[in-house]
PDB file of N, CA and C in Angstrom:
ATOM      1  N   UNK A   1      33.080 -70.915  51.071  1.00  0.00           N
ATOM      2  CA  UNK A   1      33.174 -69.818  49.992  1.00  0.00           C
ATOM      3  C   UNK A   1      33.091 -68.059  51.193  1.00  0.00           C
ATOM      4  N   UNK A   2      34.226 -67.593  51.010  1.00  0.00           N
ATOM      5  CA  UNK A   2      34.486 -66.614  52.058  1.00  0.00           C
ATOM      6  C   UNK A   2      33.096 -65.224  50.846  1.00  0.00           C
ATOM      7  N   UNK A   3      33.361 -64.182  51.515  1.00  0.00           N
ATOM      8  CA  UNK A   3      33.465 -63.130  50.679  1.00  0.00           C
ATOM      9  C   UNK A   3      34.383 -62.351  50.207  1.00  0.00           C
ATOM     10  N   UNK A   4      34.349 -61.443  49.218  1.00  0.00           N
ATOM     11  CA  UNK A   4      35.649 -61.039  48.576  1.00  0.00           C
ATOM     12  C   UNK A   4      35.408 -59.169  49.421  1.00  0.00           C
ATOM     13  N   UNK A   5      36.471 -58.749  49.209  1.00  0.00           N
ATOM     14  CA  UNK A   5      36.200 -57.226  49.304  1.00  0.00           C
ATOM     15  C   UNK A   5      35.348 -56.078  48.300  1.00  0.00           C
ATOM     16  N   UNK A   6      34.992 -57.175  47.434  1.00  0.00           N
ATOM     17  CA  UNK A   6      33.725 -56.399  46.464  1.00  0.00           C
ATOM     18  C   UNK A   6      32.221 -56.812  47.255  1.00  0.00           C
ATOM     19  N   UNK A   7      32.437 -58.181  47.109  1.00  0.00           N
ATOM     20  CA  UNK A   7      31.201 -58.566  47.932  1.00  0.00           C
ATOM     21  C   UNK A   7      31.134 -57.509  49.386  1.00  0.00           C
ATOM     22  N   UNK A   8      32.072 -56.861  50.475  1.00  0.00           N
ATOM     23  CA  UNK A   8      31.778 -56.516  51.424  1.00  0.00           C
ATOM     24  C   UNK A   8      31.239 -54.622  50.706  1.00  0.00           C
ATOM     25  N   UNK A   9      32.204 -54.571  49.749  1.00  0.00           N
ATOM     26  CA  UNK A   9      32.150 -52.985  49.459  1.00  0.00           C
ATOM     27  C   UNK A   9      30.391 -52.816  48.820  1.00  0.00           C
ATOM     28  N   UNK A  10      29.755 -53.570  48.092  1.00  0.00           N
ATOM     29  CA  UNK A  10      28.727 -53.754  47.647  1.00  0.00           C
ATOM     30  C   UNK A  10      27.019 -53.534  48.497  1.00  0.00           C
ATOM     31  N   UNK A  11      27.835 -54.562  49.432  1.00  0.00           N
ATOM     32  CA  UNK A  11      26.733 -54.978  50.748  1.00  0.00           C
ATOM     33  C   UNK A  11      26.714 -53.619  51.190  1.00  0.00           C
ATOM     34  N   UNK A  12      28.193 -52.882  51.536  1.00  0.00           N
ATOM     35  CA  UNK A  12      28.035 -51.551  53.045  1.00  0.00           C
ATOM     36  C   UNK A  12      27.342 -50.803  51.351  1.00  0.00           C
ATOM     37  N   UNK A  13      27.322 -50.641  50.348  1.00  0.00           N
ATOM     38  CA  UNK A  13      26.963 -49.210  49.449  1.00  0.00           C
ATOM     39  C   UNK A  13      25.400 -49.162  49.518  1.00  0.00           C
ATOM     40  N   UNK A  14      25.341 -50.518  48.924  1.00  0.00           N
ATOM     41  CA  UNK A  14      23.322 -51.093  49.214  1.00  0.00           C
ATOM     42  C   UNK A  14      22.704 -50.279  50.281  1.00  0.00           C
ATOM     43  N   UNK A  15      23.667 -51.010  51.633  1.00  0.00           N
ATOM     44  CA  UNK A  15      22.952 -51.054  53.332  1.00  0.00           C
ATOM     45  C   UNK A  15      22.603 -49.489  52.931  1.00  0.00           C
ATOM     46  N   UNK A  16      23.653 -48.637  52.486  1.00  0.00           N
ATOM     47  CA  UNK A  16      23.852 -47.108  52.789  1.00  0.00           C
ATOM     48  C   UNK A  16      22.942 -46.640  51.989  1.00  0.00           C
ATOM     49  N   UNK A  17      22.723 -47.121  50.530  1.00  0.00           N
ATOM     50  CA  UNK A  17      21.640 -46.243  49.526  1.00  0.00           C
ATOM     51  C   UNK A  17      20.257 -46.825  50.154  1.00  0.00           C
ATOM     52  N   UNK A  18      19.988 -47.460  50.430  1.00  0.00           N
ATOM     53  CA  UNK A  18      18.521 -48.154  51.332  1.00  0.00           C
ATOM     54  C   UNK A  18      18.260 -46.889  52.935  1.00  0.00           C
ATOM     55  N   UNK A  19      19.075 -47.030  53.579  1.00  0.00           N
ATOM     56  CA  UNK A  19      19.324 -46.186  54.682  1.00  0.00           C
ATOM     57  C   UNK A  19      18.857 -44.768  54.339  1.00  0.00           C
ATOM     58  N   UNK A  20      19.397 -44.473  53.390  1.00  0.00           N
ATOM     59  CA  UNK A  20      19.155 -43.340  52.390  1.00  0.00           C
ATOM     60  C   UNK A  20      18.317 -42.479  52.014  1.00  0.00           C
ATOM     61  N   UNK A  21      17.737 -43.582  50.984  1.00  0.00           N
ATOM     62  CA  UNK A  21      16.366 -43.579  50.729  1.00  0.00           C
ATOM     63  C   UNK A  21      15.335 -43.688  51.556  1.00  0.00           C
ATOM     64  N   UNK A  22      15.407 -44.229  52.652  1.00  0.00           N
ATOM     65  CA  UNK A  22      14.452 -44.225  53.672  1.00  0.00           C
ATOM     66  C   UNK A  22      14.332 -43.626  54.889  1.00  0.00           C
ATOM     67  N   UNK A  23      15.548 -42.665  54.953  1.00  0.00           N
ATOM     68  CA  UNK A  23      15.184 -41.846  56.091  1.00  0.00           C
ATOM     69  C   UNK A  23      14.911 -40.367  55.665  1.00  0.00           C
ATOM     70  N   UNK A  24      14.825 -40.477  54.132  1.00  0.00           N
ATOM     71  CA  UNK A  24      14.605 -39.023  53.199  1.00  0.00           C
ATOM     72  C   UNK A  24      13.794 -39.138  52.365  1.00  0.00           C
ATOM     73  N   UNK A  25      13.043 -40.419  52.642  1.00  0.00           N
ATOM     74  CA  UNK A  25      11.665 -40.244  51.962  1.00  0.00           C
ATOM     75  C   UNK A  25      11.300 -39.135  52.637  1.00  0.00           C
ATOM     76  N   UNK A  26      10.534 -38.880  53.522  1.00  0.00           N
ATOM     77  CA  UNK A  26       9.752 -37.591  53.309  1.00  0.00           C
ATOM     78  C   UNK A  26      10.176 -36.109  52.698  1.00  0.00           C
ATOM     79  N   UNK A  27      11.272 -36.006  52.539  1.00  0.00           N
ATOM     80  CA  UNK A  27      11.454 -34.890  52.188  1.00  0.00           C
ATOM     81  C   UNK A  27      11.365 -35.181  50.526  1.00  0.00           C
ATOM     82  N   UNK A  28      10.856 -36.029  50.058  1.00  0.00           N
ATOM     83  CA  UNK A  28      10.658 -36.050  48.544  1.00  0.00           C
ATOM     84  C   UNK A  28       9.563 -35.728  48.226  1.00  0.00           C
ATOM     85  N   UNK A  29       8.495 -35.631  48.482  1.00  0.00           N
ATOM     86  CA  UNK A  29       7.304 -34.746  48.138  1.00  0.00           C
ATOM     87  C   UNK A  29       7.267 -33.379  48.095  1.00  0.00           C
ATOM     88  N   UNK A  30       6.583 -32.795  47.114  1.00  0.00           N
ATOM     89  CA  UNK A  30       6.566 -31.302  46.619  1.00  0.00           C
ATOM     90  C   UNK A  30       5.609 -30.284  47.806  1.00  0.00           C
ATOM     91  N   UNK A  31       4.578 -31.334  48.429  1.00  0.00           N
ATOM     92  CA  UNK A  31       3.624 -30.819  49.310  1.00  0.00           C
ATOM     93  C   UNK A  31       3.640 -31.863  50.068  1.00  0.00           C
ATOM     94  N   UNK A  32       2.411 -31.444  51.325  1.00  0.00           N
ATOM     95  CA  UNK A  32       2.367 -32.733  52.249  1.00  0.00           C
ATOM     96  C   UNK A  32       1.380 -33.665  51.739  1.00  0.00           C
ATOM     97  N   UNK A  33       1.831 -35.161  52.406  1.00  0.00           N
ATOM     98  CA  UNK A  33       1.127 -35.920  52.011  1.00  0.00           C
ATOM     99  C   UNK A  33      -0.575 -36.166  53.164  1.00  0.00           C
ATOM    100  N   UNK A  34      -1.463 -36.303  52.309  1.00  0.00           N
ATOM    101  CA  UNK A  34      -2.711 -36.154  52.797  1.00  0.00           C
ATOM    102  C   UNK A  34      -2.808 -37.715  53.518  1.00  0.00           C
ATOM    103  N   UNK A  35      -3.287 -37.885  54.972  1.00  0.00           N
ATOM    104  CA  UNK A  35      -3.209 -39.048  55.698  1.00  0.00           C
ATOM    105  C   UNK A  35      -4.418 -39.331  56.319  1.00  0.00           C
ATOM    106  N   UNK A  36      -5.510 -39.982  55.853  1.00  0.00           N
ATOM    107  CA  UNK A  36      -6.408 -40.142  56.419  1.00  0.00           C
ATOM    108  C   UNK A  36      -7.153 -39.797  58.170  1.00  0.00           C
ATOM    109  N   UNK A  37      -7.664 -39.437  58.287  1.00  0.00           N
ATOM    110  CA  UNK A  37      -8.018 -39.322  59.656  1.00  0.00           C
ATOM    111  C   UNK A  37      -7.622 -40.557  60.812  1.00  0.00           C
ATOM    112  N   UNK A  38      -8.106 -41.789  60.794  1.00  0.00           N
ATOM    113  CA  UNK A  38      -7.593 -42.861  61.276  1.00  0.00           C
ATOM    114  C   UNK A  38      -6.354 -43.153  61.614  1.00  0.00           C
ATOM    115  N   UNK A  39      -5.557 -43.013  60.108  1.00  0.00           N
ATOM    116  CA  UNK A  39      -4.202 -43.542  60.392  1.00  0.00           C
ATOM    117  C   UNK A  39      -3.612 -41.536  61.558  1.00  0.00           C
ATOM    118  N   UNK A  40      -3.535 -41.049  61.425  1.00  0.00           N
ATOM    119  CA  UNK A  40      -3.616 -39.463  61.822  1.00  0.00           C
ATOM    120  C   UNK A  40      -3.410 -40.164  63.115  1.00  0.00           C
ATOM    121  N   UNK A  41      -4.965 -40.473  63.842  1.00  0.00           N
ATOM    122  CA  UNK A  41      -4.899 -40.594  65.005  1.00  0.00           C
ATOM    123  C   UNK A  41      -4.373 -41.978  65.523  1.00  0.00           C
ATOM    124  N   UNK A  42      -3.822 -42.646  65.220  1.00  0.00           N
ATOM    125  CA  UNK A  42      -3.357 -43.890  65.179  1.00  0.00           C
ATOM    126  C   UNK A  42      -1.398 -43.620  65.715  1.00  0.00           C
ATOM    127  N   UNK A  43      -1.330 -42.664  64.654  1.00  0.00           N
ATOM    128  CA  UNK A  43       0.400 -42.463  64.580  1.00  0.00           C
ATOM    129  C   UNK A  43       0.452 -41.731  65.962  1.00  0.00           C
ATOM    130  N   UNK A  44      -0.334 -40.977  66.653  1.00  0.00           N
ATOM    131  CA  UNK A  44      -0.729 -40.746  68.062  1.00  0.00           C
ATOM    132  C   UNK A  44       0.533 -41.397  69.090  1.00  0.00           C
ATOM    133  N   UNK A  45      -0.247 -42.409  68.756  1.00  0.00           N
ATOM    134  CA  UNK A  45       0.040 -43.992  70.122  1.00  0.00           C
ATOM    135  C   UNK A  45       1.114 -44.415  69.498  1.00  0.00           C
ATOM    136  N   UNK A  46       1.982 -44.177  67.707  1.00  0.00           N
ATOM    137  CA  UNK A  46       2.598 -45.078  67.721  1.00  0.00           C
ATOM    138  C   UNK A  46       4.229 -45.232  68.716  1.00  0.00           C
ATOM    139  N   UNK A  47       4.413 -44.042  69.179  1.00  0.00           N
ATOM    140  CA  UNK A  47       5.806 -43.822  69.937  1.00  0.00           C
ATOM    141  C   UNK A  47       5.467 -44.849  71.672  1.00  0.00           C
ATOM    142  N   UNK A  48       4.463 -44.011  72.192  1.00  0.00           N
ATOM    143  CA  UNK A  48       4.144 -45.074  73.319  1.00  0.00           C
ATOM    144  C   UNK A  48       3.978 -46.747  73.363  1.00  0.00           C
ATOM    145  N   UNK A  49       2.951 -46.989  72.235  1.00  0.00           N
ATOM    146  CA  UNK A  49       2.845 -48.199  71.763  1.00  0.00           C
ATOM    147  C   UNK A  49       4.414 -49.019  71.787  1.00  0.00           C
ATOM    148  N   UNK A  50       5.410 -48.107  70.757  1.00  0.00           N
ATOM    149  CA  UNK A  50       6.605 -49.017  70.787  1.00  0.00           C
ATOM    150  C   UNK A  50       7.752 -49.057  72.111  1.00  0.00           C
ATOM    151  N   UNK A  51       7.941 -47.864  73.198  1.00  0.00           N
ATOM    152  CA  UNK A  51       8.645 -48.160  74.292  1.00  0.00           C
ATOM    153  C   UNK A  51       7.286 -49.200  75.225  1.00  0.00           C
ATOM    154  N   UNK A  52       6.523 -49.568  74.944  1.00  0.00           N
ATOM    155  CA  UNK A  52       5.469 -50.234  76.437  1.00  0.00           C
ATOM    156  C   UNK A  52       6.445 -51.672  76.206  1.00  0.00           C
ATOM    157  N   UNK A  53       6.462 -51.658  74.615  1.00  0.00           N
ATOM    158  CA  UNK A  53       7.010 -53.470  73.489  1.00  0.00           C
ATOM    159  C   UNK A  53       8.008 -53.229  73.728  1.00  0.00           C
ATOM    160  N   UNK A  54       8.963 -52.264  74.345  1.00  0.00           N
ATOM    161  CA  UNK A  54      10.432 -52.362  74.872  1.00  0.00           C
ATOM    162  C   UNK A  54      10.590 -52.371  76.311  1.00  0.00           C
ATOM    163  N   UNK A  55       9.829 -51.760  76.764  1.00  0.00           N
ATOM    164  CA  UNK A  55       9.924 -51.977  78.754  1.00  0.00           C
ATOM    165  C   UNK A  55       9.351 -52.528  78.980  1.00  0.00           C
ATOM    166  N   UNK A  56       7.869 -53.444  78.617  1.00  0.00           N
ATOM    167  CA  UNK A  56       7.277 -54.015  79.786  1.00  0.00           C
ATOM    168  C   UNK A  56       8.030 -55.182  79.545  1.00  0.00           C
ATOM    169  N   UNK A  57       8.808 -56.171  78.689  1.00  0.00           N
ATOM    170  CA  UNK A  57       9.259 -57.474  78.879  1.00  0.00           C
ATOM    171  C   UNK A  57      10.959 -57.389  79.769  1.00  0.00           C
ATOM    172  N   UNK A  58      11.270 -55.462  79.880  1.00  0.00           N
ATOM    173  CA  UNK A  58      12.231 -55.293  80.602  1.00  0.00           C
ATOM    174  C   UNK A  58      12.158 -55.990  82.060  1.00  0.00           C
ATOM    175  N   UNK A  59      10.802 -55.155  82.066  1.00  0.00           N
ATOM    176  CA  UNK A  59      10.314 -55.034  83.505  1.00  0.00           C
ATOM    177  C   UNK A  59      10.072 -56.177  84.334  1.00  0.00           C
ATOM    178  N   UNK A  60       9.533 -57.574  83.763  1.00  0.00           N
ATOM    179  CA  UNK A  60       8.475 -58.225  84.353  1.00  0.00           C
ATOM    180  C   UNK A  60       9.417 -59.470  83.949  1.00  0.00           C
ATOM    181  N   UNK A  61      10.649 -59.400  83.174  1.00  0.00           N
ATOM    182  CA  UNK A  61      11.414 -60.768  82.952  1.00  0.00           C
ATOM    183  C   UNK A  61      12.605 -60.504  83.298  1.00  0.00           C
ATOM    184  N   UNK A  62      13.265 -61.936  83.355  1.00  0.00           N
ATOM    185  CA  UNK A  62      14.607 -61.741  83.422  1.00  0.00           C
ATOM    186  C   UNK A  62      15.326 -62.477  83.518  1.00  0.00           C
ATOM    187  N   UNK A  63      16.356 -63.054  82.184  1.00  0.00           N
ATOM    188  CA  UNK A  63      17.369 -64.235  82.056  1.00  0.00           C
ATOM    189  C   UNK A  63      15.591 -65.547  80.882  1.00  0.00           C
ATOM    190  N   UNK A  64      14.775 -64.457  80.093  1.00  0.00           N
ATOM    191  CA  UNK A  64      13.687 -64.799  79.986  1.00  0.00           C
ATOM    192  C   UNK A  64      12.757 -65.733  80.034  1.00  0.00           C
ATOM    193  N   UNK A  65      12.134 -65.204  80.981  1.00  0.00           N
ATOM    194  CA  UNK A  65      11.131 -66.087  82.774  1.00  0.00           C
ATOM    195  C   UNK A  65      10.579 -65.262  83.114  1.00  0.00           C
ATOM    196  N   UNK A  66       9.817 -64.926  83.310  1.00  0.00           N
ATOM    197  CA  UNK A  66       9.246 -63.889  84.190  1.00  0.00           C
ATOM    198  C   UNK A  66       9.658 -63.784  86.326  1.00  0.00           C
ATOM    199  N   UNK A  67       9.410 -62.914  86.135  1.00  0.00           N
ATOM    200  CA  UNK A  67      10.599 -62.655  87.613  1.00  0.00           C
ATOM    201  C   UNK A  67       9.653 -63.513  88.624  1.00  0.00           C
ATOM    202  N   UNK A  68      10.739 -64.310  89.279  1.00  0.00           N
ATOM    203  CA  UNK A  68       9.888 -65.363  90.426  1.00  0.00           C
ATOM    204  C   UNK A  68       9.873 -64.636  91.892  1.00  0.00           C
ATOM    205  N   UNK A  69      10.282 -63.576  92.407  1.00  0.00           N
ATOM    206  CA  UNK A  69      10.335 -63.160  93.572  1.00  0.00           C
ATOM    207  C   UNK A  69      10.373 -61.561  93.312  1.00  0.00           C
ATOM    208  N   UNK A  70       9.994 -61.127  94.089  1.00  0.00           N
ATOM    209  CA  UNK A  70       9.601 -59.736  94.642  1.00  0.00           C
ATOM    210  C   UNK A  70      11.000 -59.046  95.073  1.00  0.00           C
ATOM    211  N   UNK A  71      12.310 -59.952  95.518  1.00  0.00           N
ATOM    212  CA  UNK A  71      13.292 -59.206  95.837  1.00  0.00           C
ATOM    213  C   UNK A  71      14.134 -59.027  94.388  1.00  0.00           C
ATOM    214  N   UNK A  72      13.322 -58.221  93.417  1.00  0.00           N
ATOM    215  CA  UNK A  72      14.308 -57.684  91.948  1.00  0.00           C
ATOM    216  C   UNK A  72      13.910 -55.858  92.565  1.00  0.00           C
ATOM    217  N   UNK A  73      15.012 -55.447  92.340  1.00  0.00           N
ATOM    218  CA  UNK A  73      14.971 -54.126  92.279  1.00  0.00           C
ATOM    219  C   UNK A  73      14.184 -53.327  90.878  1.00  0.00           C
ATOM    220  N   UNK A  74      14.081 -54.021  90.107  1.00  0.00           N
ATOM    221  CA  UNK A  74      12.874 -53.352  89.419  1.00  0.00           C
ATOM    222  C   UNK A  74      11.919 -53.002  89.599  1.00  0.00           C
ATOM    223  N   UNK A  75      11.168 -53.595  89.993  1.00  0.00           N
ATOM    224  CA  UNK A  75       9.538 -54.042  90.664  1.00  0.00           C
ATOM    225  C   UNK A  75       8.827 -52.328  91.206  1.00  0.00           C
ATOM    226  N   UNK A  76      10.096 -52.807  93.037  1.00  0.00           N
ATOM    227  CA  UNK A  76       9.821 -51.204  93.509  1.00  0.00           C
ATOM    228  C   UNK A  76      10.304 -49.698  92.901  1.00  0.00           C
ATOM    229  N   UNK A  77      11.311 -49.886  91.851  1.00  0.00           N
ATOM    230  CA  UNK A  77      11.626 -48.672  91.097  1.00  0.00           C
ATOM    231  C   UNK A  77      10.431 -48.405  90.375  1.00  0.00           C
ATOM    232  N   UNK A  78       9.792 -49.044  89.571  1.00  0.00           N
ATOM    233  CA  UNK A  78       8.719 -48.942  88.986  1.00  0.00           C
ATOM    234  C   UNK A  78       7.959 -48.392  89.339  1.00  0.00           C
ATOM    235  N   UNK A  79       7.069 -48.989  90.836  1.00  0.00           N
ATOM    236  CA  UNK A  79       5.706 -48.410  91.509  1.00  0.00           C
ATOM    237  C   UNK A  79       6.510 -47.246  91.885  1.00  0.00           C
ATOM    238  N   UNK A  80       7.750 -46.774  92.576  1.00  0.00           N
ATOM    239  CA  UNK A  80       7.753 -45.406  93.003  1.00  0.00           C
ATOM    240  C   UNK A  80       8.248 -44.558  91.791  1.00  0.00           C
ATOM    241  N   UNK A  81       8.872 -45.145  90.083  1.00  0.00           N
ATOM    242  CA  UNK A  81       8.820 -44.017  89.332  1.00  0.00           C
ATOM    243  C   UNK A  81       7.059 -43.552  89.289  1.00  0.00           C
ATOM    244  N   UNK A  82       5.945 -44.625  89.109  1.00  0.00           N
ATOM    245  CA  UNK A  82       4.574 -44.499  88.869  1.00  0.00           C
ATOM    246  C   UNK A  82       4.273 -44.025  89.921  1.00  0.00           C
ATOM    247  N   UNK A  83       4.630 -43.782  90.832  1.00  0.00           N
ATOM    248  CA  UNK A  83       3.961 -42.807  91.982  1.00  0.00           C
ATOM    249  C   UNK A  83       4.605 -41.636  91.390  1.00  0.00           C
ATOM    250  N   UNK A  84       5.705 -41.213  91.389  1.00  0.00           N
ATOM    251  CA  UNK A  84       6.050 -39.896  91.295  1.00  0.00           C
ATOM    252  C   UNK A  84       5.503 -39.504  89.899  1.00  0.00           C
ATOM    253  N   UNK A  85       5.471 -40.501  89.036  1.00  0.00           N
ATOM    254  CA  UNK A  85       4.584 -39.803  87.309  1.00  0.00           C
ATOM    255  C   UNK A  85       3.202 -39.169  88.024  1.00  0.00           C
ATOM    256  N   UNK A  86       2.548 -39.988  88.201  1.00  0.00           N
ATOM    257  CA  UNK A  86       1.225 -39.697  88.726  1.00  0.00           C
ATOM    258  C   UNK A  86       1.083 -38.394  89.942  1.00  0.00           C
ATOM    259  N   UNK A  87       1.988 -37.994  90.862  1.00  0.00           N
ATOM    260  CA  UNK A  87       2.135 -36.596  91.814  1.00  0.00           C
ATOM    261  C   UNK A  87       2.107 -36.139  90.627  1.00  0.00           C
ATOM    262  N   UNK A  88       3.568 -35.875  90.098  1.00  0.00           N
ATOM    263  CA  UNK A  88       3.945 -34.660  89.260  1.00  0.00           C
ATOM    264  C   UNK A  88       4.204 -34.430  88.084  1.00  0.00           C
ATOM    265  N   UNK A  89       4.216 -35.541  87.571  1.00  0.00           N
ATOM    266  CA  UNK A  89       3.626 -35.596  85.369  1.00  0.00           C
ATOM    267  C   UNK A  89       4.940 -34.895  85.508  1.00  0.00           C
ATOM    268  N   UNK A  90       6.103 -35.178  85.762  1.00  0.00           N
ATOM    269  CA  UNK A  90       7.464 -34.826  84.819  1.00  0.00           C
ATOM    270  C   UNK A  90       8.431 -36.126  84.488  1.00  0.00           C
ATOM    271  N   UNK A  91       8.598 -35.857  83.275  1.00  0.00           N
ATOM    272  CA  UNK A  91       9.879 -37.252  83.159  1.00  0.00           C
ATOM    273  C   UNK A  91      11.009 -37.132  83.601  1.00  0.00           C
ATOM    274  N   UNK A  92      11.660 -36.425  83.539  1.00  0.00           N
ATOM    275  CA  UNK A  92      12.851 -35.930  84.177  1.00  0.00           C
ATOM    276  C   UNK A  92      12.943 -36.587  85.806  1.00  0.00           C
ATOM    277  N   UNK A  93      11.903 -36.159  86.322  1.00  0.00           N
ATOM    278  CA  UNK A  93      11.538 -36.399  88.390  1.00  0.00           C
ATOM    279  C   UNK A  93      11.577 -37.799  87.927  1.00  0.00           C
ATOM    280  N   UNK A  94      10.693 -38.253  87.150  1.00  0.00           N
ATOM    281  CA  UNK A  94       9.836 -39.552  86.988  1.00  0.00           C
ATOM    282  C   UNK A  94      11.360 -40.895  87.352  1.00  0.00           C
ATOM    283  N   UNK A  95      12.346 -40.189  85.767  1.00  0.00           N
ATOM    284  CA  UNK A  95      13.531 -41.081  85.536  1.00  0.00           C
ATOM    285  C   UNK A  95      14.474 -41.651  86.855  1.00  0.00           C
ATOM    286  N   UNK A  96      14.836 -40.305  87.472  1.00  0.00           N
ATOM    287  CA  UNK A  96      15.371 -39.838  88.784  1.00  0.00           C
ATOM    288  C   UNK A  96      15.165 -40.708  89.923  1.00  0.00           C
ATOM    289  N   UNK A  97      13.706 -40.395  90.302  1.00  0.00           N
ATOM    290  CA  UNK A  97      12.975 -40.987  91.377  1.00  0.00           C
ATOM    291  C   UNK A  97      13.342 -42.649  90.886  1.00  0.00           C
ATOM    292  N   UNK A  98      13.665 -43.184  90.128  1.00  0.00           N
ATOM    293  CA  UNK A  98      12.754 -45.035  89.620  1.00  0.00           C
ATOM    294  C   UNK A  98      14.380 -45.220  89.792  1.00  0.00           C
ATOM    295  N   UNK A  99      15.107 -44.388  89.244  1.00  0.00           N
ATOM    296  CA  UNK A  99      16.491 -44.668  89.003  1.00  0.00           C
ATOM    297  C   UNK A  99      17.655 -44.545  90.915  1.00  0.00           C
ATOM    298  N   UNK A 100      16.930 -43.372  91.604  1.00  0.00           N
ATOM    299  CA  UNK A 100      17.129 -43.212  92.963  1.00  0.00           C
ATOM    300  C   UNK A 100      16.713 -44.522  93.775  1.00  0.00           C
ATOM    301  N   UNK A 101      15.698 -45.098  93.960  1.00  0.00           N
ATOM    302  CA  UNK A 101      14.939 -46.367  94.304  1.00  0.00           C
ATOM    303  C   UNK A 101      15.913 -47.882  93.797  1.00  0.00           C
ATOM    304  N   UNK A 102      16.122 -47.408  91.996  1.00  0.00           N
ATOM    305  CA  UNK A 102      16.500 -49.125  91.731  1.00  0.00           C
ATOM    306  C   UNK A 102      18.169 -49.447  92.403  1.00  0.00           C
ATOM    307  N   UNK A 103      18.657 -48.707  92.150  1.00  0.00           N
ATOM    308  CA  UNK A 103      20.757 -48.091  91.875  1.00  0.00           C
ATOM    309  C   UNK A 103      20.720 -48.828  93.430  1.00  0.00           C
ATOM    310  N   UNK A 104      20.604 -48.111  94.515  1.00  0.00           N
ATOM    311  CA  UNK A 104      20.958 -49.290  96.065  1.00  0.00           C
ATOM    312  C   UNK A 104      20.081 -50.283  96.091  1.00  0.00           C
ATOM    313  N   UNK A 105      19.057 -50.652  95.023  1.00  0.00           N
ATOM    314  CA  UNK A 105      18.331 -51.714  95.813  1.00  0.00           C
ATOM    315  C   UNK A 105      18.945 -53.005  94.828  1.00  0.00           C
ATOM    316  N   UNK A 106      19.694 -52.631  93.361  1.00  0.00           N
ATOM    317  CA  UNK A 106      20.132 -53.353  93.113  1.00  0.00           C
ATOM    318  C   UNK A 106      22.291 -53.198  93.171  1.00  0.00           C
ATOM    319  N   UNK A 107      22.527 -52.412  93.600  1.00  0.00           N
ATOM    320  CA  UNK A 107      24.247 -52.198  94.092  1.00  0.00           C
ATOM    321  C   UNK A 107      24.089 -52.798  95.383  1.00  0.00           C
ATOM    322  N   UNK A 108      23.705 -52.224  96.706  1.00  0.00           N
ATOM    323  CA  UNK A 108      23.635 -52.568  97.016  1.00  0.00           C
ATOM    324  C   UNK A 108      23.399 -53.749  98.386  1.00  0.00           C
ATOM    325  N   UNK A 109      21.890 -53.790  97.544  1.00  0.00           N
ATOM    326  CA  UNK A 109      21.366 -54.926  98.079  1.00  0.00           C
ATOM    327  C   UNK A 109      21.582 -56.353  97.215  1.00  0.00           C
ATOM    328  N   UNK A 110      21.908 -56.313  96.367  1.00  0.00           N
ATOM    329  CA  UNK A 110      22.319 -57.618  95.163  1.00  0.00           C
ATOM    330  C   UNK A 110      20.555 -57.633  94.416  1.00  0.00           C
ATOM    331  N   UNK A 111      19.884 -56.848  95.028  1.00  0.00           N
ATOM    332  CA  UNK A 111      18.878 -57.528  94.538  1.00  0.00           C
ATOM    333  C   UNK A 111      18.292 -57.482  92.409  1.00  0.00           C
TER     334      UNK A 111
END
């Protein structure tokens, strides 16, 4: 049994309404909602935790298993980018250094 155009339309409208409601939820109250101190302190680390959760598997895994060789361009790129960050504390430079190490190793050497 396939979906009719009405089923598709209802699904799209429903998902649109859910998205609109969830994204505008912070604008509904007239005043700022009080948050407990422990929650406010914990929310400071949420972006870092999310970024780490996305990047860590990408750095140490390939094709669903741990990297088994040192000849992977990601490892020296991460090492150089981390060293640059601790030296200069700049995000743009960190990304630039990481990519400057990664791209030649990956494209030219095939790591």
